[in-house]
C-alpha atoms as a PDB file:
ATOM      1  CA  MET A   1       0.000   0.000   0.000  1.00  0.00           C
ATOM      2  CA  GLY A   2       1.194   3.533  -0.776  1.00  0.00           C
ATOM      3  CA  HIS A   3       1.132   6.485   1.548  1.00  0.00           C
ATOM      4  CA  LEU A   4      -1.944   7.408   3.573  1.00  0.00           C
ATOM      5  CA  ARG A   5      -3.690  10.151   1.624  1.00  0.00           C
ATOM      6  CA  SER A   6      -5.510  13.040   3.269  1.00  0.00           C
ATOM      7  CA  VAL A   7      -9.275  12.764   3.630  1.00  0.00           C
ATOM      8  CA  ASP A   8      -9.752  15.651   1.196  1.00  0.00           C
ATOM      9  CA  GLU A   9      -7.627  13.882  -1.421  1.00  0.00           C
ATOM     10  CA  LEU A  10      -9.567  10.645  -0.950  1.00  0.00           C
ATOM     11  CA  LEU A  11     -12.929  12.382  -1.213  1.00  0.00           C
ATOM     12  CA  TRP A  12     -11.836  14.118  -4.426  1.00  0.00           C
ATOM     13  CA  SER A  13     -11.723  10.678  -6.088  1.00  0.00           C
ATOM     14  CA  TRP A  14     -14.683   9.244  -4.189  1.00  0.00           C
ATOM     15  CA  THR A  15     -17.322   9.487  -6.937  1.00  0.00           C
ATOM     16  CA  SER A  16     -15.056   7.328  -9.123  1.00  0.00           C
ATOM     17  CA  VAL A  17     -14.666   4.851  -6.256  1.00  0.00           C
ATOM     18  CA  ILE A  18     -18.465   4.606  -6.006  1.00  0.00           C
ATOM     19  CA  ALA A  19     -18.829   4.166  -9.762  1.00  0.00           C
ATOM     20  CA  THR A  20     -16.255   1.362  -9.934  1.00  0.00           C
ATOM     21  CA  ALA A  21     -17.173  -0.528  -6.742  1.00  0.00           C
ATOM     22  CA  ARG A  22     -16.947  -4.245  -7.475  1.00  0.00           C
ATOM     23  CA  THR A  23     -19.167  -5.631  -4.718  1.00  0.00           C
ATOM     24  CA  ASP A  24     -22.359  -4.597  -2.976  1.00  0.00           C
ATOM     25  CA  TRP A  25     -20.373  -4.166   0.240  1.00  0.00           C
ATOM     26  CA  GLU A  26     -17.837  -1.821  -1.409  1.00  0.00           C
ATOM     27  CA  ARG A  27     -20.620   0.227  -2.991  1.00  0.00           C
ATOM     28  CA  GLY A  28     -22.540   0.423   0.297  1.00  0.00           C
ATOM     29  CA  PHE A  29     -19.416   1.477   2.202  1.00  0.00           C
ATOM     30  CA  ALA A  30     -18.536   4.083  -0.436  1.00  0.00           C
ATOM     31  CA  LEU A  31     -22.066   5.506  -0.429  1.00  0.00           C
ATOM     32  CA  SER A  32     -22.148   5.668   3.378  1.00  0.00           C
ATOM     33  CA  ILE A  33     -18.839   7.553   3.387  1.00  0.00           C
ATOM     34  CA  ALA A  34     -20.168   9.948   0.742  1.00  0.00           C
ATOM     35  CA  ARG A  35     -23.236  10.664   2.885  1.00  0.00           C
ATOM     36  CA  ALA A  36     -21.254  11.003   6.118  1.00  0.00           C
ATOM     37  CA  SER A  37     -18.681  13.318   4.530  1.00  0.00           C
ATOM     38  CA  LYS A  38     -21.397  15.922   3.953  1.00  0.00           C
ATOM     39  CA  ARG A  39     -21.852  16.359   7.702  1.00  0.00           C
ATOM     40  CA  ARG A  40     -20.045  19.344   9.133  1.00  0.00           C
ATOM     41  CA  GLY A  41     -16.875  18.373  10.963  1.00  0.00           C
ATOM     42  CA  TRP A  42     -17.030  14.706   9.924  1.00  0.00           C
ATOM     43  CA  GLN A  43     -13.806  12.717   9.961  1.00  0.00           C
ATOM     44  CA  PRO A  44     -13.506   9.003   9.192  1.00  0.00           C
ATOM     45  CA  THR A  45     -12.439   6.597  11.892  1.00  0.00           C
ATOM     46  CA  PRO A  46      -8.871   5.290  11.482  1.00  0.00           C
ATOM     47  CA  LYS A  47     -10.249   2.018  10.059  1.00  0.00           C
ATOM     48  CA  GLN A  48     -12.509   3.871   7.598  1.00  0.00           C
ATOM     49  CA  HIS A  49      -9.564   6.061   6.543  1.00  0.00           C
ATOM     50  CA  LEU A  50      -7.438   2.971   5.811  1.00  0.00           C
ATOM     51  CA  LEU A  51     -10.253   1.342   3.816  1.00  0.00           C
ATOM     52  CA  MET A  52     -10.859   4.535   1.878  1.00  0.00           C
ATOM     53  CA  ASN A  53      -7.147   4.754   1.083  1.00  0.00           C
ATOM     54  CA  ARG A  54      -7.081   1.139  -0.131  1.00  0.00           C
ATOM     55  CA  MET A  55     -10.096   1.723  -2.350  1.00  0.00           C
ATOM     56  CA  VAL A  56      -8.546   4.811  -3.942  1.00  0.00           C
ATOM     57  CA  ASP A  57      -5.234   2.939  -4.356  1.00  0.00           C
ATOM     58  CA  ALA A  58      -7.145   0.163  -6.158  1.00  0.00           C
ATOM     59  CA  LEU A  59      -8.869   2.733  -8.368  1.00  0.00           C
ATOM     60  CA  PHE A  60      -5.542   4.242  -9.432  1.00  0.00           C
ATOM     61  CA  ALA A  61      -3.981   0.792  -9.885  1.00  0.00           C
ATOM     62  CA  SER A  62      -6.777  -0.283 -12.228  1.00  0.00           C
ATOM     63  CA  ASN A  63      -6.464   2.970 -14.186  1.00  0.00           C
ATOM     64  CA  THR A  64      -2.715   2.376 -14.563  1.00  0.00           C
ATOM     65  CA  GLU A  65      -3.357  -1.138 -15.858  1.00  0.00           C
ATOM     66  CA  LEU A  66      -5.741   0.223 -18.473  1.00  0.00           C
ATOM     67  CA  ILE A  67      -3.170   2.764 -19.632  1.00  0.00           C
ATOM     68  CA  GLU A  68      -0.431   0.121 -19.830  1.00  0.00           C
ATOM     69  CA  ASP A  69      -2.717  -2.199 -21.836  1.00  0.00           C
ATOM     70  CA  ASP A  70      -3.234   0.531 -24.453  1.00  0.00           C
ATOM     71  CA  GLU A  71       0.507   0.871 -25.161  1.00  0.00           C
END
């Protein structure tokens, strides 16, 4: 796993995470984070932050694979 991104950086990519969720659980988690993030002062728990980071890492990894396949 790469570095732990800031919450703002993770949320910037979050709509793409929702759109590419592979399982019902991932989609449900992503949607719940999207809803919670709209609350003033919300911060994810440490476990949520790690999961969010992993999901964004996976998103970028899959995008890199697509780019490499095109070459």
